[in-house]
Amino acid sequence: MGPVRNVDPIGNSPVIIKKMKDDPETDKAFGWVLEMYGYAVASALHGVRHILRDDFMLQPPWDLYVGKKFIIHYTYGCDYNMKGELTYGKIGEWRFDKRSHLQGPPPKNLSLPPPGVPESVVRLVKSVNEATANIPNWDTP
């Protein structure tokens, strides 16, 4: 296979994930990020190389500014107090987290974050609001 540096730091795809998930030791070692590493390992095993772009993806709340990014990676919870300060590790007074909507989709017209919250988080919430406003029957079960 070659050195570990041949494994590109790329995202998820179910290539060899099932085998890894079925192996208790591997599943325990990788946990919830198994899918992301599964794709990277499978790619390395088959000699797939990738063009990596630093300007490709934005990950709120860690990336503060939108800039000229192409996509928003919607993965981390965004928790803030009403002063616009990140409350990482505890639920904030203002919150946007996909895990809050495990029983169904988020409602239309989510409240915008308080002043001081990074541009990236504001853009994420506005994008979700724009999408839900334009998807027919969004509120219909």
N, C-alpha and C. Protein backbone atom coordinates (compact mmCIF):
# COMPACT_ATOMS: atom_id res chain seq x y z
N MET A 1 0.83 -1.19 0.00
CA MET A 1 0.00 0.00 0.00
C MET A 1 0.87 1.25 0.00
N GLY A 2 1.96 1.28 0.69
CA GLY A 2 2.78 2.48 0.72
C GLY A 2 2.61 3.25 2.01
N PRO A 3 3.28 4.37 2.10
CA PRO A 3 3.23 5.16 3.34
C PRO A 3 1.86 5.79 3.57
N VAL A 4 1.57 6.06 4.83
CA VAL A 4 0.29 6.64 5.20
C VAL A 4 0.09 8.01 4.56
N ARG A 5 1.18 8.69 4.21
CA ARG A 5 1.02 10.00 3.55
C ARG A 5 0.35 9.88 2.19
N ASN A 6 0.22 8.66 1.67
CA ASN A 6 -0.49 8.45 0.40
C ASN A 6 -2.01 8.53 0.57
N VAL A 7 -2.48 8.56 1.81
CA VAL A 7 -3.91 8.63 2.07
C VAL A 7 -4.32 10.10 2.10
N ASP A 8 -5.17 10.50 1.15
CA ASP A 8 -5.63 11.88 1.07
C ASP A 8 -6.63 12.20 2.18
N PRO A 9 -6.62 13.41 2.73
CA PRO A 9 -7.57 13.80 3.77
C PRO A 9 -8.89 14.26 3.17
N ILE A 10 -9.68 13.32 2.71
CA ILE A 10 -10.93 13.64 2.02
C ILE A 10 -12.13 13.12 2.79
N GLY A 11 -13.31 13.43 2.32
CA GLY A 11 -14.56 13.14 3.04
C GLY A 11 -15.13 11.74 2.85
N ASN A 12 -16.40 11.62 3.15
CA ASN A 12 -17.05 10.32 3.29
C ASN A 12 -17.53 9.69 1.98
N SER A 13 -17.50 8.37 1.97
CA SER A 13 -18.07 7.54 0.91
C SER A 13 -17.99 6.10 1.39
N PRO A 14 -19.05 5.33 1.18
CA PRO A 14 -19.06 3.95 1.68
C PRO A 14 -18.33 2.97 0.76
N VAL A 15 -17.01 3.01 0.74
CA VAL A 15 -16.24 2.13 -0.12
C VAL A 15 -15.92 0.83 0.60
N ILE A 16 -15.12 0.89 1.66
CA ILE A 16 -14.82 -0.32 2.44
C ILE A 16 -15.36 -0.20 3.86
N ILE A 17 -16.28 0.71 4.03
CA ILE A 17 -16.79 1.02 5.36
C ILE A 17 -17.48 -0.17 6.03
N LYS A 18 -18.23 -0.95 5.27
CA LYS A 18 -18.95 -2.07 5.88
C LYS A 18 -17.98 -3.04 6.54
N LYS A 19 -16.90 -3.39 5.85
CA LYS A 19 -15.91 -4.30 6.45
C LYS A 19 -15.32 -3.69 7.71
N MET A 20 -15.03 -2.41 7.66
CA MET A 20 -14.45 -1.75 8.83
C MET A 20 -15.47 -1.68 9.97
N LYS A 21 -16.72 -1.40 9.64
CA LYS A 21 -17.78 -1.30 10.66
C LYS A 21 -18.05 -2.67 11.29
N ASP A 22 -17.93 -3.73 10.50
CA ASP A 22 -18.18 -5.08 11.01
C ASP A 22 -17.06 -5.60 11.90
N ASP A 23 -15.90 -4.95 11.86
CA ASP A 23 -14.78 -5.36 12.70
C ASP A 23 -14.83 -4.55 14.00
N PRO A 24 -15.14 -5.21 15.14
CA PRO A 24 -15.33 -4.48 16.39
C PRO A 24 -14.13 -3.60 16.79
N GLU A 25 -12.92 -4.11 16.58
CA GLU A 25 -11.73 -3.33 16.97
C GLU A 25 -11.60 -2.07 16.12
N THR A 26 -11.82 -2.21 14.82
CA THR A 26 -11.75 -1.06 13.92
C THR A 26 -12.87 -0.07 14.22
N ASP A 27 -14.08 -0.60 14.41
CA ASP A 27 -15.22 0.26 14.70
C ASP A 27 -14.97 1.08 15.97
N LYS A 28 -14.42 0.43 16.99
CA LYS A 28 -14.14 1.13 18.25
C LYS A 28 -13.06 2.20 18.05
N ALA A 29 -12.04 1.88 17.27
CA ALA A 29 -10.93 2.82 17.06
C ALA A 29 -11.37 4.05 16.28
N PHE A 30 -12.21 3.86 15.26
CA PHE A 30 -12.59 4.98 14.39
C PHE A 30 -13.86 5.69 14.83
N GLY A 31 -14.78 4.96 15.46
CA GLY A 31 -16.03 5.58 15.90
C GLY A 31 -16.83 6.20 14.77
N TRP A 32 -17.42 7.36 15.05
CA TRP A 32 -18.34 7.98 14.09
C TRP A 32 -17.64 8.52 12.86
N VAL A 33 -16.33 8.65 12.86
CA VAL A 33 -15.64 9.17 11.67
C VAL A 33 -15.21 8.05 10.73
N LEU A 34 -15.64 6.84 11.01
CA LEU A 34 -15.26 5.68 10.20
C LEU A 34 -15.53 5.88 8.71
N GLU A 35 -16.67 6.47 8.37
CA GLU A 35 -17.01 6.66 6.96
C GLU A 35 -15.99 7.54 6.25
N MET A 36 -15.57 8.60 6.90
CA MET A 36 -14.61 9.51 6.26
C MET A 36 -13.27 8.81 6.05
N TYR A 37 -12.80 8.11 7.06
CA TYR A 37 -11.53 7.40 6.93
C TYR A 37 -11.66 6.21 5.98
N GLY A 38 -12.81 5.58 5.96
CA GLY A 38 -13.03 4.44 5.06
C GLY A 38 -12.80 4.81 3.61
N TYR A 39 -13.32 5.95 3.20
CA TYR A 39 -13.12 6.39 1.83
C TYR A 39 -11.65 6.70 1.56
N ALA A 40 -11.00 7.38 2.49
CA ALA A 40 -9.59 7.73 2.31
C ALA A 40 -8.72 6.48 2.20
N VAL A 41 -8.97 5.48 3.05
CA VAL A 41 -8.20 4.24 3.02
C VAL A 41 -8.47 3.48 1.72
N ALA A 42 -9.74 3.36 1.33
CA ALA A 42 -10.08 2.65 0.09
C ALA A 42 -9.44 3.33 -1.12
N SER A 43 -9.43 4.64 -1.14
CA SER A 43 -8.81 5.38 -2.24
C SER A 43 -7.31 5.08 -2.31
N ALA A 44 -6.66 5.08 -1.16
CA ALA A 44 -5.22 4.80 -1.13
C ALA A 44 -4.94 3.38 -1.61
N LEU A 45 -5.77 2.43 -1.19
CA LEU A 45 -5.58 1.04 -1.61
C LEU A 45 -5.68 0.86 -3.12
N HIS A 46 -6.47 1.71 -3.76
CA HIS A 46 -6.68 1.58 -5.21
C HIS A 46 -5.95 2.65 -6.01
N GLY A 47 -5.06 3.39 -5.36
CA GLY A 47 -4.24 4.36 -6.07
C GLY A 47 -4.97 5.60 -6.54
N VAL A 48 -6.14 5.86 -5.99
CA VAL A 48 -6.89 7.05 -6.38
C VAL A 48 -6.24 8.28 -5.74
N ARG A 49 -5.95 9.27 -6.53
CA ARG A 49 -5.38 10.52 -6.04
C ARG A 49 -6.41 11.63 -6.21
N HIS A 50 -6.32 12.64 -5.40
CA HIS A 50 -7.30 13.72 -5.40
C HIS A 50 -6.61 15.07 -5.53
N ILE A 51 -7.32 16.00 -6.09
CA ILE A 51 -6.86 17.38 -6.12
C ILE A 51 -7.51 18.06 -4.92
N LEU A 52 -6.69 18.46 -3.97
CA LEU A 52 -7.21 19.07 -2.75
C LEU A 52 -7.09 20.59 -2.85
N ARG A 53 -8.17 21.26 -2.49
CA ARG A 53 -8.20 22.73 -2.58
C ARG A 53 -8.51 23.31 -1.20
N ASP A 54 -7.64 24.17 -0.73
CA ASP A 54 -7.86 24.83 0.55
C ASP A 54 -9.08 25.75 0.53
N ASP A 55 -9.44 26.22 -0.66
CA ASP A 55 -10.57 27.15 -0.78
C ASP A 55 -11.89 26.45 -1.07
N PHE A 56 -11.92 25.13 -0.96
CA PHE A 56 -13.11 24.38 -1.36
C PHE A 56 -14.25 24.47 -0.35
N MET A 57 -13.95 24.25 0.93
CA MET A 57 -15.01 24.00 1.90
C MET A 57 -14.88 24.90 3.13
N LEU A 58 -16.02 25.23 3.66
CA LEU A 58 -16.16 26.05 4.86
C LEU A 58 -16.82 25.18 5.93
N GLN A 59 -16.30 25.21 7.16
CA GLN A 59 -16.87 24.41 8.24
C GLN A 59 -17.22 25.29 9.44
N PRO A 60 -18.45 25.84 9.46
CA PRO A 60 -18.86 26.60 10.63
C PRO A 60 -18.96 25.67 11.85
N PRO A 61 -18.67 26.09 13.03
CA PRO A 61 -18.29 27.44 13.43
C PRO A 61 -16.78 27.69 13.40
N TRP A 62 -16.00 26.70 12.98
CA TRP A 62 -14.53 26.85 13.04
C TRP A 62 -13.98 27.81 11.99
N ASP A 63 -14.49 27.74 10.79
CA ASP A 63 -14.09 28.72 9.78
C ASP A 63 -15.00 29.93 9.97
N LEU A 64 -14.41 31.07 10.21
CA LEU A 64 -15.20 32.24 10.58
C LEU A 64 -15.76 32.99 9.38
N TYR A 65 -15.01 33.05 8.30
CA TYR A 65 -15.39 33.86 7.14
C TYR A 65 -15.73 32.99 5.95
N VAL A 66 -16.68 33.43 5.15
CA VAL A 66 -17.13 32.67 3.98
C VAL A 66 -16.11 32.76 2.86
N GLY A 67 -15.65 33.94 2.54
CA GLY A 67 -14.70 34.10 1.44
C GLY A 67 -15.27 33.56 0.14
N LYS A 68 -14.45 32.85 -0.62
CA LYS A 68 -14.88 32.31 -1.91
C LYS A 68 -14.98 30.79 -1.86
N LYS A 69 -15.43 30.25 -0.75
CA LYS A 69 -15.59 28.81 -0.61
C LYS A 69 -16.72 28.33 -1.51
N PHE A 70 -16.66 27.06 -1.90
CA PHE A 70 -17.65 26.49 -2.80
C PHE A 70 -18.81 25.83 -2.06
N ILE A 71 -18.52 25.20 -0.92
CA ILE A 71 -19.58 24.50 -0.18
C ILE A 71 -19.43 24.77 1.33
N ILE A 72 -20.54 24.52 2.03
CA ILE A 72 -20.52 24.57 3.49
C ILE A 72 -20.65 23.13 3.99
N HIS A 73 -19.69 22.69 4.79
CA HIS A 73 -19.74 21.36 5.41
C HIS A 73 -20.52 21.51 6.71
N TYR A 74 -21.73 20.99 6.67
CA TYR A 74 -22.68 21.14 7.77
C TYR A 74 -22.51 19.95 8.71
N THR A 75 -21.62 20.06 9.67
CA THR A 75 -21.37 18.94 10.56
C THR A 75 -21.35 19.30 12.03
N TYR A 76 -20.71 20.40 12.38
CA TYR A 76 -20.55 20.76 13.78
C TYR A 76 -21.74 21.54 14.31
N GLY A 77 -22.04 21.34 15.59
CA GLY A 77 -23.06 22.14 16.23
C GLY A 77 -22.56 23.56 16.41
N CYS A 78 -23.46 24.51 16.32
CA CYS A 78 -23.13 25.93 16.47
C CYS A 78 -23.87 26.44 17.70
N ASP A 79 -23.16 26.59 18.80
CA ASP A 79 -23.74 27.02 20.07
C ASP A 79 -23.10 28.33 20.51
N TYR A 80 -23.94 29.32 20.79
CA TYR A 80 -23.46 30.65 21.17
C TYR A 80 -24.31 31.22 22.29
N ASN A 81 -23.71 32.11 23.08
CA ASN A 81 -24.51 32.88 24.02
C ASN A 81 -25.07 34.09 23.27
N MET A 82 -25.87 34.89 23.94
CA MET A 82 -26.52 36.01 23.25
C MET A 82 -25.56 37.19 22.99
N LYS A 83 -24.32 37.06 23.46
CA LYS A 83 -23.29 38.05 23.14
C LYS A 83 -22.55 37.66 21.86
N GLY A 84 -22.93 36.51 21.28
CA GLY A 84 -22.27 36.04 20.06
C GLY A 84 -20.99 35.27 20.32
N GLU A 85 -20.81 34.79 21.56
CA GLU A 85 -19.60 34.04 21.91
C GLU A 85 -19.87 32.54 21.83
N LEU A 86 -18.96 31.82 21.19
CA LEU A 86 -19.07 30.37 21.06
C LEU A 86 -19.05 29.71 22.43
N THR A 87 -19.97 28.78 22.66
CA THR A 87 -20.03 28.06 23.94
C THR A 87 -19.71 26.60 23.71
N TYR A 88 -18.65 26.34 22.96
CA TYR A 88 -18.31 24.97 22.57
C TYR A 88 -18.28 24.04 23.78
N GLY A 89 -18.90 22.89 23.63
CA GLY A 89 -18.94 21.91 24.70
C GLY A 89 -20.18 22.00 25.57
N LYS A 90 -20.94 23.06 25.41
CA LYS A 90 -22.21 23.15 26.13
C LYS A 90 -23.24 23.84 25.24
N ILE A 91 -24.48 23.48 25.45
CA ILE A 91 -25.57 24.03 24.64
C ILE A 91 -25.68 25.53 24.89
N GLY A 92 -25.72 26.27 23.80
CA GLY A 92 -25.78 27.72 23.89
C GLY A 92 -27.20 28.25 24.00
N GLU A 93 -27.31 29.52 24.35
CA GLU A 93 -28.63 30.17 24.38
C GLU A 93 -29.21 30.22 22.97
N TRP A 94 -28.34 30.42 21.99
CA TRP A 94 -28.74 30.30 20.58
C TRP A 94 -28.02 29.09 20.03
N ARG A 95 -28.76 28.26 19.28
CA ARG A 95 -28.18 27.00 18.83
C ARG A 95 -28.68 26.63 17.46
N PHE A 96 -27.77 26.12 16.64
CA PHE A 96 -28.14 25.45 15.39
C PHE A 96 -27.26 24.21 15.29
N ASP A 97 -27.91 23.06 15.37
CA ASP A 97 -27.20 21.78 15.33
C ASP A 97 -28.11 20.77 14.64
N LYS A 98 -27.59 20.12 13.62
CA LYS A 98 -28.42 19.15 12.90
C LYS A 98 -28.89 18.03 13.81
N ARG A 99 -28.18 17.78 14.89
CA ARG A 99 -28.57 16.71 15.81
C ARG A 99 -29.83 17.08 16.60
N SER A 100 -30.22 18.34 16.55
CA SER A 100 -31.47 18.77 17.20
C SER A 100 -32.68 18.38 16.37
N HIS A 101 -32.44 17.89 15.16
CA HIS A 101 -33.54 17.58 14.24
C HIS A 101 -33.48 16.13 13.78
N LEU A 102 -33.15 15.22 14.68
CA LEU A 102 -33.03 13.82 14.30
C LEU A 102 -34.39 13.18 14.02
N GLN A 103 -35.45 13.72 14.59
CA GLN A 103 -36.79 13.15 14.41
C GLN A 103 -37.50 13.71 13.19
N GLY A 104 -36.92 14.69 12.55
CA GLY A 104 -37.54 15.29 11.38
C GLY A 104 -36.71 16.47 10.91
N PRO A 105 -37.09 17.05 9.80
CA PRO A 105 -36.30 18.15 9.24
C PRO A 105 -36.43 19.42 10.09
N PRO A 106 -35.48 20.32 9.95
CA PRO A 106 -35.60 21.58 10.69
C PRO A 106 -36.79 22.38 10.19
N PRO A 107 -37.37 23.19 11.05
CA PRO A 107 -38.51 24.00 10.61
C PRO A 107 -38.07 25.10 9.66
N LYS A 108 -39.04 25.67 8.98
CA LYS A 108 -38.77 26.84 8.15
C LYS A 108 -38.43 28.02 9.05
N ASN A 109 -37.73 28.99 8.48
CA ASN A 109 -37.48 30.28 9.11
C ASN A 109 -36.81 30.16 10.48
N LEU A 110 -35.67 29.47 10.52
CA LEU A 110 -34.89 29.38 11.75
C LEU A 110 -34.45 30.77 12.19
N SER A 111 -34.35 30.98 13.48
CA SER A 111 -33.91 32.29 13.96
C SER A 111 -32.43 32.49 13.63
N LEU A 112 -32.11 33.71 13.23
CA LEU A 112 -30.72 34.03 12.92
C LEU A 112 -29.94 34.16 14.21
N PRO A 113 -28.63 33.92 14.15
CA PRO A 113 -27.82 34.02 15.35
C PRO A 113 -27.73 35.46 15.86
N PRO A 114 -27.36 35.61 17.12
CA PRO A 114 -27.22 36.96 17.68
C PRO A 114 -26.04 37.71 17.05
N PRO A 115 -26.02 39.02 17.20
CA PRO A 115 -24.89 39.81 16.69
C PRO A 115 -23.57 39.29 17.26
N GLY A 116 -22.54 39.30 16.43
CA GLY A 116 -21.22 38.87 16.87
C GLY A 116 -20.86 37.46 16.46
N VAL A 117 -21.86 36.67 16.03
CA VAL A 117 -21.60 35.31 15.57
C VAL A 117 -20.92 35.39 14.20
N PRO A 118 -19.96 34.51 13.94
CA PRO A 118 -19.22 34.58 12.67
C PRO A 118 -20.11 34.50 11.43
N GLU A 119 -19.63 35.17 10.39
CA GLU A 119 -20.30 35.20 9.09
C GLU A 119 -20.62 33.79 8.58
N SER A 120 -19.74 32.83 8.83
CA SER A 120 -19.95 31.47 8.33
C SER A 120 -21.21 30.84 8.91
N VAL A 121 -21.48 31.07 10.19
CA VAL A 121 -22.66 30.50 10.84
C VAL A 121 -23.92 31.20 10.33
N VAL A 122 -23.85 32.51 10.18
CA VAL A 122 -24.99 33.27 9.64
C VAL A 122 -25.31 32.76 8.24
N ARG A 123 -24.30 32.57 7.40
CA ARG A 123 -24.52 32.07 6.03
C ARG A 123 -25.15 30.69 6.04
N LEU A 124 -24.70 29.81 6.94
CA LEU A 124 -25.27 28.47 7.04
C LEU A 124 -26.75 28.54 7.34
N VAL A 125 -27.14 29.30 8.35
CA VAL A 125 -28.55 29.39 8.75
C VAL A 125 -29.38 30.05 7.65
N LYS A 126 -28.86 31.09 7.03
CA LYS A 126 -29.58 31.74 5.93
C LYS A 126 -29.76 30.77 4.76
N SER A 127 -28.77 29.94 4.50
CA SER A 127 -28.86 28.97 3.40
C SER A 127 -29.93 27.92 3.69
N VAL A 128 -29.98 27.45 4.93
CA VAL A 128 -31.03 26.48 5.31
C VAL A 128 -32.39 27.14 5.19
N ASN A 129 -32.52 28.38 5.66
CA ASN A 129 -33.79 29.09 5.55
C ASN A 129 -34.20 29.29 4.09
N GLU A 130 -33.26 29.63 3.24
CA GLU A 130 -33.56 29.81 1.82
C GLU A 130 -34.04 28.49 1.21
N ALA A 131 -33.36 27.40 1.55
CA ALA A 131 -33.74 26.10 1.00
C ALA A 131 -35.13 25.68 1.48
N THR A 132 -35.38 25.78 2.77
CA THR A 132 -36.67 25.32 3.29
C THR A 132 -37.82 26.19 2.78
N ALA A 133 -37.55 27.45 2.51
CA ALA A 133 -38.59 28.34 1.96
C ALA A 133 -38.94 27.98 0.52
N ASN A 134 -38.03 27.33 -0.17
CA ASN A 134 -38.23 27.06 -1.60
C ASN A 134 -38.48 25.60 -1.94
N ILE A 135 -38.48 24.72 -0.95
CA ILE A 135 -38.78 23.31 -1.21
C ILE A 135 -40.27 23.11 -1.00
N PRO A 136 -40.99 22.71 -2.06
CA PRO A 136 -42.45 22.52 -1.93
C PRO A 136 -42.79 21.50 -0.83
N ASN A 137 -43.84 21.80 -0.11
CA ASN A 137 -44.38 20.90 0.92
C ASN A 137 -43.38 20.59 2.03
N TRP A 138 -42.46 21.50 2.32
CA TRP A 138 -41.45 21.26 3.35
C TRP A 138 -42.09 20.91 4.69
N ASP A 139 -43.17 21.59 5.03
CA ASP A 139 -43.81 21.37 6.33
C ASP A 139 -44.81 20.23 6.33
N THR A 140 -45.02 19.59 5.19
CA THR A 140 -46.01 18.51 5.09
C THR A 140 -45.35 17.17 5.35
N PRO A 141 -45.85 16.42 6.36
CA PRO A 141 -45.25 15.09 6.64
C PRO A 141 -45.50 14.09 5.54
